[in-house]
PDB file of all heavy atoms in Angstrom:
ATOM      1  N   LEU A   1     -13.296  -3.145  -1.839  1.00  0.00           N
ATOM      2  CA  LEU A   1     -14.294  -3.894  -1.050  1.00  0.00           C
ATOM      3  C   LEU A   1     -14.875  -4.903  -2.015  1.00  0.00           C
ATOM      4  O   LEU A   1     -15.744  -4.576  -2.743  1.00  0.00           O
ATOM      5  CB  LEU A   1     -15.209  -3.137  -0.325  1.00  0.00           C
ATOM      6  CG  LEU A   1     -16.011  -3.613   0.894  1.00  0.00           C
ATOM      7  CD1 LEU A   1     -16.756  -2.465   1.598  1.00  0.00           C
ATOM      8  CD2 LEU A   1     -16.996  -4.721   0.447  1.00  0.00           C
ATOM      9  N   PRO A   2     -14.352  -6.163  -2.143  1.00  0.00           N
ATOM     10  CA  PRO A   2     -14.805  -7.179  -3.078  1.00  0.00           C
ATOM     11  C   PRO A   2     -16.234  -7.569  -2.744  1.00  0.00           C
ATOM     12  O   PRO A   2     -17.020  -7.945  -3.771  1.00  0.00           O
ATOM     13  CB  PRO A   2     -13.891  -8.210  -3.106  1.00  0.00           C
ATOM     14  CG  PRO A   2     -13.316  -8.196  -1.621  1.00  0.00           C
ATOM     15  CD  PRO A   2     -13.264  -6.663  -1.303  1.00  0.00           C
ATOM     16  N   SER A   3     -16.579  -7.758  -1.652  1.00  0.00           N
ATOM     17  CA  SER A   3     -17.910  -8.479  -1.237  1.00  0.00           C
ATOM     18  C   SER A   3     -18.322  -7.832   0.057  1.00  0.00           C
ATOM     19  O   SER A   3     -17.851  -8.086   1.114  1.00  0.00           O
ATOM     20  CB  SER A   3     -17.729  -9.933  -1.095  1.00  0.00           C
ATOM     21  OG  SER A   3     -17.059 -10.478  -2.243  1.00  0.00           O
ATOM     22  N   HIS A   4     -19.462  -6.986  -0.034  1.00  0.00           N
ATOM     23  CA  HIS A   4     -20.017  -6.251   1.146  1.00  0.00           C
ATOM     24  C   HIS A   4     -21.116  -7.118   1.799  1.00  0.00           C
ATOM     25  O   HIS A   4     -21.446  -8.258   1.371  1.00  0.00           O
ATOM     26  CB  HIS A   4     -20.602  -4.954   0.619  1.00  0.00           C
ATOM     27  CG  HIS A   4     -20.460  -3.954   1.653  1.00  0.00           C
ATOM     28  ND1 HIS A   4     -20.619  -4.144   3.069  1.00  0.00           N
ATOM     29  CD2 HIS A   4     -20.225  -2.522   1.515  1.00  0.00           C
ATOM     30  CE1 HIS A   4     -20.433  -2.980   3.662  1.00  0.00           C
ATOM     31  NE2 HIS A   4     -20.210  -2.017   2.771  1.00  0.00           N
ATOM     32  N   ASN A   5     -21.605  -6.629   2.901  1.00  0.00           N
ATOM     33  CA  ASN A   5     -22.726  -7.164   3.480  1.00  0.00           C
ATOM     34  C   ASN A   5     -23.869  -7.349   2.592  1.00  0.00           C
ATOM     35  O   ASN A   5     -24.045  -6.543   1.611  1.00  0.00           O
ATOM     36  CB  ASN A   5     -23.216  -6.454   4.765  1.00  0.00           C
ATOM     37  CG  ASN A   5     -22.203  -6.199   5.852  1.00  0.00           C
ATOM     38  OD1 ASN A   5     -21.773  -5.120   6.055  1.00  0.00           O
ATOM     39  ND2 ASN A   5     -21.622  -7.301   6.305  1.00  0.00           N
ATOM     40  N   THR A   6     -24.778  -8.331   2.745  1.00  0.00           N
ATOM     41  CA  THR A   6     -25.789  -8.566   1.789  1.00  0.00           C
ATOM     42  C   THR A   6     -26.720  -7.313   1.712  1.00  0.00           C
ATOM     43  O   THR A   6     -27.227  -6.905   0.639  1.00  0.00           O
ATOM     44  CB  THR A   6     -26.586  -9.716   2.282  1.00  0.00           C
ATOM     45  OG1 THR A   6     -25.886 -10.970   2.307  1.00  0.00           O
ATOM     46  CG2 THR A   6     -27.844  -9.969   1.392  1.00  0.00           C
ATOM     47  N   LYS A   7     -26.905  -6.672   2.889  1.00  0.00           N
ATOM     48  CA  LYS A   7     -27.762  -5.426   2.857  1.00  0.00           C
ATOM     49  C   LYS A   7     -27.289  -4.346   2.025  1.00  0.00           C
ATOM     50  O   LYS A   7     -27.983  -3.486   1.671  1.00  0.00           O
ATOM     51  CB  LYS A   7     -28.139  -5.015   4.350  1.00  0.00           C
ATOM     52  CG  LYS A   7     -26.899  -4.471   4.987  1.00  0.00           C
ATOM     53  CD  LYS A   7     -27.239  -4.121   6.459  1.00  0.00           C
ATOM     54  CE  LYS A   7     -28.259  -2.860   6.479  1.00  0.00           C
ATOM     55  NZ  LYS A   7     -28.408  -2.506   7.764  1.00  0.00           N
ATOM     56  N   PHE A   8     -25.986  -4.441   1.866  1.00  0.00           N
ATOM     57  CA  PHE A   8     -25.315  -3.298   1.053  1.00  0.00           C
ATOM     58  C   PHE A   8     -25.007  -3.842  -0.363  1.00  0.00           C
ATOM     59  O   PHE A   8     -24.085  -3.172  -1.031  1.00  0.00           O
ATOM     60  CB  PHE A   8     -24.061  -2.695   1.752  1.00  0.00           C
ATOM     61  CG  PHE A   8     -24.479  -2.003   3.059  1.00  0.00           C
ATOM     62  CD1 PHE A   8     -23.914  -2.422   4.247  1.00  0.00           C
ATOM     63  CD2 PHE A   8     -25.397  -0.964   3.044  1.00  0.00           C
ATOM     64  CE1 PHE A   8     -24.337  -1.802   5.438  1.00  0.00           C
ATOM     65  CE2 PHE A   8     -25.616  -0.376   4.318  1.00  0.00           C
ATOM     66  CZ  PHE A   8     -25.127  -0.775   5.434  1.00  0.00           C
ATOM     67  N   SER A   9     -25.532  -4.923  -0.719  1.00  0.00           N
ATOM     68  CA  SER A   9     -25.240  -5.490  -2.126  1.00  0.00           C
ATOM     69  C   SER A   9     -26.495  -5.697  -2.851  1.00  0.00           C
ATOM     70  O   SER A   9     -26.673  -6.657  -3.692  1.00  0.00           O
ATOM     71  CB  SER A   9     -24.475  -6.879  -1.941  1.00  0.00           C
ATOM     72  OG  SER A   9     -23.312  -6.583  -1.230  1.00  0.00           O
ATOM     73  N   GLN A  10     -27.442  -4.804  -2.738  1.00  0.00           N
ATOM     74  CA  GLN A  10     -28.658  -4.835  -3.350  1.00  0.00           C
ATOM     75  C   GLN A  10     -28.578  -4.483  -4.829  1.00  0.00           C
ATOM     76  O   GLN A  10     -27.767  -3.661  -5.133  1.00  0.00           O
ATOM     77  CB  GLN A  10     -29.666  -3.923  -2.678  1.00  0.00           C
ATOM     78  CG  GLN A  10     -30.007  -4.192  -1.231  1.00  0.00           C
ATOM     79  CD  GLN A  10     -30.363  -5.637  -1.024  1.00  0.00           C
ATOM     80  OE1 GLN A  10     -31.553  -6.100  -1.531  1.00  0.00           O
ATOM     81  NE2 GLN A  10     -29.639  -6.367  -0.276  1.00  0.00           N
ATOM     82  N   LYS A  11     -29.519  -4.860  -5.677  1.00  0.00           N
ATOM     83  CA  LYS A  11     -29.497  -4.617  -7.123  1.00  0.00           C
ATOM     84  C   LYS A  11     -29.747  -3.043  -7.253  1.00  0.00           C
ATOM     85  O   LYS A  11     -30.443  -2.407  -6.498  1.00  0.00           O
ATOM     86  CB  LYS A  11     -30.650  -5.299  -7.764  1.00  0.00           C
ATOM     87  CG  LYS A  11     -30.324  -6.745  -7.947  1.00  0.00           C
ATOM     88  CD  LYS A  11     -31.403  -7.463  -8.761  1.00  0.00           C
ATOM     89  CE  LYS A  11     -31.098  -8.988  -8.858  1.00  0.00           C
ATOM     90  NZ  LYS A  11     -32.126  -9.588  -9.777  1.00  0.00           N
ATOM     91  N   LEU A  12     -29.106  -2.511  -8.279  1.00  0.00           N
ATOM     92  CA  LEU A  12     -29.256  -1.087  -8.644  1.00  0.00           C
ATOM     93  C   LEU A  12     -30.612  -0.873  -9.035  1.00  0.00           C
ATOM     94  O   LEU A  12     -31.206  -1.670  -9.874  1.00  0.00           O
ATOM     95  CB  LEU A  12     -28.217  -0.571  -9.726  1.00  0.00           C
ATOM     96  CG  LEU A  12     -26.809  -0.740  -9.239  1.00  0.00           C
ATOM     97  CD1 LEU A  12     -25.863  -0.536 -10.436  1.00  0.00           C
ATOM     98  CD2 LEU A  12     -26.375   0.225  -8.155  1.00  0.00           C
ATOM     99  N   ILE A  13     -31.261   0.356  -8.707  1.00  0.00           N
ATOM    100  CA  ILE A  13     -32.608   0.765  -9.114  1.00  0.00           C
ATOM    101  C   ILE A  13     -32.631   1.962  -9.844  1.00  0.00           C
ATOM    102  O   ILE A  13     -33.697   2.303 -10.348  1.00  0.00           O
ATOM    103  CB  ILE A  13     -33.627   0.637  -7.901  1.00  0.00           C
ATOM    104  CG1 ILE A  13     -33.067   1.754  -6.942  1.00  0.00           C
ATOM    105  CG2 ILE A  13     -33.619  -0.632  -7.180  1.00  0.00           C
ATOM    106  CD1 ILE A  13     -34.065   2.005  -5.798  1.00  0.00           C
ATOM    107  N   GLY A  14     -31.488   2.561 -10.087  1.00  0.00           N
ATOM    108  CA  GLY A  14     -31.577   3.801 -10.840  1.00  0.00           C
ATOM    109  C   GLY A  14     -31.665   5.121 -10.024  1.00  0.00           C
ATOM    110  O   GLY A  14     -31.723   6.249 -10.601  1.00  0.00           O
ATOM    111  N   ASP A  15     -31.913   4.948  -8.742  1.00  0.00           N
ATOM    112  CA  ASP A  15     -32.063   6.052  -7.857  1.00  0.00           C
ATOM    113  C   ASP A  15     -30.749   6.212  -7.140  1.00  0.00           C
ATOM    114  O   ASP A  15     -30.389   5.353  -6.326  1.00  0.00           O
ATOM    115  CB  ASP A  15     -33.163   5.721  -6.898  1.00  0.00           C
ATOM    116  CG  ASP A  15     -33.431   6.921  -5.920  1.00  0.00           C
ATOM    117  OD1 ASP A  15     -32.406   7.585  -5.339  1.00  0.00           O
ATOM    118  OD2 ASP A  15     -34.532   7.320  -5.610  1.00  0.00           O
ATOM    119  N   ARG A  16     -29.980   7.394  -7.536  1.00  0.00           N
ATOM    120  CA  ARG A  16     -28.710   7.489  -7.025  1.00  0.00           C
ATOM    121  C   ARG A  16     -28.568   7.539  -5.532  1.00  0.00           C
ATOM    122  O   ARG A  16     -27.607   6.899  -4.877  1.00  0.00           O
ATOM    123  CB  ARG A  16     -28.026   8.794  -7.557  1.00  0.00           C
ATOM    124  CG  ARG A  16     -26.667   9.108  -7.049  1.00  0.00           C
ATOM    125  CD  ARG A  16     -25.865  10.328  -7.744  1.00  0.00           C
ATOM    126  NE  ARG A  16     -24.639  10.539  -6.992  1.00  0.00           N
ATOM    127  CZ  ARG A  16     -23.491   9.889  -7.109  1.00  0.00           C
ATOM    128  NH1 ARG A  16     -23.476   8.699  -7.858  1.00  0.00           N
ATOM    129  NH2 ARG A  16     -22.513  10.292  -6.570  1.00  0.00           N
ATOM    130  N   VAL A  17     -29.561   8.211  -4.913  1.00  0.00           N
ATOM    131  CA  VAL A  17     -29.448   8.292  -3.333  1.00  0.00           C
ATOM    132  C   VAL A  17     -29.624   6.883  -2.804  1.00  0.00           C
ATOM    133  O   VAL A  17     -28.882   6.637  -1.856  1.00  0.00           O
ATOM    134  CB  VAL A  17     -30.683   9.189  -2.820  1.00  0.00           C
ATOM    135  CG1 VAL A  17     -30.485   9.247  -1.363  1.00  0.00           C
ATOM    136  CG2 VAL A  17     -30.317  10.682  -3.435  1.00  0.00           C
ATOM    137  N   LEU A  18     -30.641   6.163  -3.220  1.00  0.00           N
ATOM    138  CA  LEU A  18     -30.837   4.734  -2.651  1.00  0.00           C
ATOM    139  C   LEU A  18     -29.626   3.744  -3.085  1.00  0.00           C
ATOM    140  O   LEU A  18     -29.338   2.959  -2.192  1.00  0.00           O
ATOM    141  CB  LEU A  18     -32.196   4.232  -3.106  1.00  0.00           C
ATOM    142  CG  LEU A  18     -33.427   4.854  -2.409  1.00  0.00           C
ATOM    143  CD1 LEU A  18     -34.636   4.357  -2.984  1.00  0.00           C
ATOM    144  CD2 LEU A  18     -33.366   4.849  -0.864  1.00  0.00           C
ATOM    145  N   ASP A  19     -29.268   4.062  -4.338  1.00  0.00           N
ATOM    146  CA  ASP A  19     -28.114   3.080  -4.733  1.00  0.00           C
ATOM    147  C   ASP A  19     -26.939   3.288  -4.030  1.00  0.00           C
ATOM    148  O   ASP A  19     -26.243   2.312  -3.764  1.00  0.00           O
ATOM    149  CB  ASP A  19     -27.994   3.285  -6.192  1.00  0.00           C
ATOM    150  CG  ASP A  19     -29.004   2.671  -7.018  1.00  0.00           C
ATOM    151  OD1 ASP A  19     -29.832   1.865  -6.662  1.00  0.00           O
ATOM    152  OD2 ASP A  19     -29.107   3.115  -8.304  1.00  0.00           O
ATOM    153  N   LEU A  20     -26.692   4.637  -3.601  1.00  0.00           N
ATOM    154  CA  LEU A  20     -25.558   4.796  -2.791  1.00  0.00           C
ATOM    155  C   LEU A  20     -25.489   4.155  -1.376  1.00  0.00           C
ATOM    156  O   LEU A  20     -24.461   3.745  -0.945  1.00  0.00           O
ATOM    157  CB  LEU A  20     -25.304   6.293  -2.682  1.00  0.00           C
ATOM    158  CG  LEU A  20     -24.027   6.907  -1.887  1.00  0.00           C
ATOM    159  CD1 LEU A  20     -22.777   6.609  -2.872  1.00  0.00           C
ATOM    160  CD2 LEU A  20     -24.134   8.382  -1.736  1.00  0.00           C
ATOM    161  N   LYS A  21     -26.741   4.065  -0.823  1.00  0.00           N
ATOM    162  CA  LYS A  21     -26.928   3.487   0.365  1.00  0.00           C
ATOM    163  C   LYS A  21     -27.004   1.938   0.429  1.00  0.00           C
ATOM    164  O   LYS A  21     -26.517   1.305   1.303  1.00  0.00           O
ATOM    165  CB  LYS A  21     -28.286   4.007   1.093  1.00  0.00           C
ATOM    166  CG  LYS A  21     -28.112   5.560   1.477  1.00  0.00           C
ATOM    167  CD  LYS A  21     -29.431   5.914   2.155  1.00  0.00           C
ATOM    168  CE  LYS A  21     -29.310   7.365   2.641  1.00  0.00           C
ATOM    169  NZ  LYS A  21     -30.665   7.872   3.254  1.00  0.00           N
ATOM    170  N   LEU A  22     -27.630   1.472  -0.580  1.00  0.00           N
ATOM    171  CA  LEU A  22     -27.942  -0.019  -0.603  1.00  0.00           C
ATOM    172  C   LEU A  22     -26.980  -0.878  -1.573  1.00  0.00           C
ATOM    173  O   LEU A  22     -27.042  -2.090  -1.516  1.00  0.00           O
ATOM    174  CB  LEU A  22     -29.385  -0.105  -1.104  1.00  0.00           C
ATOM    175  CG  LEU A  22     -30.335   0.505  -0.260  1.00  0.00           C
ATOM    176  CD1 LEU A  22     -31.768   0.246  -0.737  1.00  0.00           C
ATOM    177  CD2 LEU A  22     -30.265  -0.050   1.219  1.00  0.00           C
ATOM    178  N   ASN A  23     -26.233  -0.170  -2.423  1.00  0.00           N
ATOM    179  CA  ASN A  23     -25.250  -0.896  -3.209  1.00  0.00           C
ATOM    180  C   ASN A  23     -23.866  -0.284  -3.023  1.00  0.00           C
ATOM    181  O   ASN A  23     -23.553   0.587  -3.789  1.00  0.00           O
ATOM    182  CB  ASN A  23     -25.706  -0.986  -4.691  1.00  0.00           C
ATOM    183  CG  ASN A  23     -24.864  -1.965  -5.585  1.00  0.00           C
ATOM    184  OD1 ASN A  23     -23.674  -1.566  -5.686  1.00  0.00           O
ATOM    185  ND2 ASN A  23     -25.432  -2.976  -6.014  1.00  0.00           N
ATOM    186  N   ARG A  24     -23.112  -0.955  -2.142  1.00  0.00           N
ATOM    187  CA  ARG A  24     -21.784  -0.247  -1.777  1.00  0.00           C
ATOM    188  C   ARG A  24     -20.688  -1.375  -2.100  1.00  0.00           C
ATOM    189  O   ARG A  24     -19.528  -1.107  -1.626  1.00  0.00           O
ATOM    190  CB  ARG A  24     -21.742   0.209  -0.385  1.00  0.00           C
ATOM    191  CG  ARG A  24     -22.941   1.264  -0.135  1.00  0.00           C
ATOM    192  CD  ARG A  24     -22.949   1.633   1.392  1.00  0.00           C
ATOM    193  NE  ARG A  24     -21.668   2.371   1.799  1.00  0.00           N
ATOM    194  CZ  ARG A  24     -21.515   3.609   1.516  1.00  0.00           C
ATOM    195  NH1 ARG A  24     -22.372   4.246   0.747  1.00  0.00           N
ATOM    196  NH2 ARG A  24     -20.346   4.128   1.935  1.00  0.00           N
ATOM    197  N   THR A  25     -20.972  -2.446  -2.591  1.00  0.00           N
ATOM    198  CA  THR A  25     -19.953  -3.377  -2.895  1.00  0.00           C
ATOM    199  C   THR A  25     -19.286  -3.242  -4.067  1.00  0.00           C
ATOM    200  O   THR A  25     -19.700  -2.532  -5.014  1.00  0.00           O
ATOM    201  CB  THR A  25     -20.719  -4.842  -2.944  1.00  0.00           C
ATOM    202  OG1 THR A  25     -19.841  -5.854  -2.881  1.00  0.00           O
ATOM    203  CG2 THR A  25     -21.484  -5.069  -4.202  1.00  0.00           C
ATOM    204  N   LYS A  26     -18.065  -3.791  -4.147  1.00  0.00           N
ATOM    205  CA  LYS A  26     -16.910  -3.794  -5.206  1.00  0.00           C
ATOM    206  C   LYS A  26     -16.604  -2.339  -5.558  1.00  0.00           C
ATOM    207  O   LYS A  26     -16.181  -2.041  -6.683  1.00  0.00           O
ATOM    208  CB  LYS A  26     -17.576  -4.385  -6.481  1.00  0.00           C
ATOM    209  CG  LYS A  26     -18.153  -5.840  -6.097  1.00  0.00           C
ATOM    210  CD  LYS A  26     -18.429  -6.755  -7.397  1.00  0.00           C
ATOM    211  CE  LYS A  26     -18.922  -8.161  -6.889  1.00  0.00           C
ATOM    212  NZ  LYS A  26     -18.103  -8.818  -5.940  1.00  0.00           N
ATOM    213  N   ARG A  27     -16.620  -1.509  -4.622  1.00  0.00           N
ATOM    214  CA  ARG A  27     -16.135  -0.170  -4.732  1.00  0.00           C
ATOM    215  C   ARG A  27     -14.707  -0.055  -4.082  1.00  0.00           C
ATOM    216  O   ARG A  27     -14.333  -0.873  -3.252  1.00  0.00           O
ATOM    217  CB  ARG A  27     -16.993   0.847  -4.017  1.00  0.00           C
ATOM    218  CG  ARG A  27     -18.281   1.159  -4.851  1.00  0.00           C
ATOM    219  CD  ARG A  27     -19.226   2.033  -4.076  1.00  0.00           C
ATOM    220  NE  ARG A  27     -18.563   3.220  -3.490  1.00  0.00           N
ATOM    221  CZ  ARG A  27     -19.140   4.130  -2.791  1.00  0.00           C
ATOM    222  NH1 ARG A  27     -20.398   3.880  -2.250  1.00  0.00           N
ATOM    223  NH2 ARG A  27     -18.493   5.231  -2.252  1.00  0.00           N
ATOM    224  N   ILE A  28     -13.896   1.043  -4.550  1.00  0.00           N
ATOM    225  CA  ILE A  28     -12.612   1.370  -3.867  1.00  0.00           C
ATOM    226  C   ILE A  28     -12.822   2.542  -3.015  1.00  0.00           C
ATOM    227  O   ILE A  28     -13.194   3.607  -3.460  1.00  0.00           O
ATOM    228  CB  ILE A  28     -11.516   1.624  -4.925  1.00  0.00           C
ATOM    229  CG1 ILE A  28     -11.359   0.356  -5.698  1.00  0.00           C
ATOM    230  CG2 ILE A  28     -10.286   2.027  -4.235  1.00  0.00           C
ATOM    231  CD1 ILE A  28     -10.254   0.652  -6.951  1.00  0.00           C
ATOM    232  N   PHE A  29     -12.745   2.250  -1.679  1.00  0.00           N
ATOM    233  CA  PHE A  29     -13.112   3.252  -0.703  1.00  0.00           C
ATOM    234  C   PHE A  29     -11.652   3.926  -0.314  1.00  0.00           C
ATOM    235  O   PHE A  29     -11.059   3.495   0.609  1.00  0.00           O
ATOM    236  CB  PHE A  29     -13.751   2.640   0.552  1.00  0.00           C
ATOM    237  CG  PHE A  29     -15.161   2.328   0.333  1.00  0.00           C
ATOM    238  CD1 PHE A  29     -15.392   1.012  -0.055  1.00  0.00           C
ATOM    239  CD2 PHE A  29     -16.137   3.263   0.608  1.00  0.00           C
ATOM    240  CE1 PHE A  29     -16.651   0.629  -0.364  1.00  0.00           C
ATOM    241  CE2 PHE A  29     -17.473   2.880   0.296  1.00  0.00           C
ATOM    242  CZ  PHE A  29     -17.804   1.607  -0.194  1.00  0.00           C
ATOM    243  N   ASN A  30     -11.503   4.897  -1.165  1.00  0.00           N
ATOM    244  CA  ASN A  30     -10.104   5.449  -1.047  1.00  0.00           C
ATOM    245  C   ASN A  30     -10.128   6.917  -0.434  1.00  0.00           C
ATOM    246  O   ASN A  30      -9.314   7.637  -0.687  1.00  0.00           O
ATOM    247  CB  ASN A  30      -9.392   5.553  -2.447  1.00  0.00           C
ATOM    248  CG  ASN A  30     -10.358   6.078  -3.476  1.00  0.00           C
ATOM    249  OD1 ASN A  30     -11.226   6.808  -3.184  1.00  0.00           O
ATOM    250  ND2 ASN A  30     -10.117   5.753  -4.657  1.00  0.00           N
TER     251      ASN A  30
END
């Protein structure tokens, strides 16, 4: 997924739970 919705492309904050929800771009959903 090269470019996700803006709401799921937020900057990482170091909180794994929140980062998993809010930064989902550029991952391989396999």
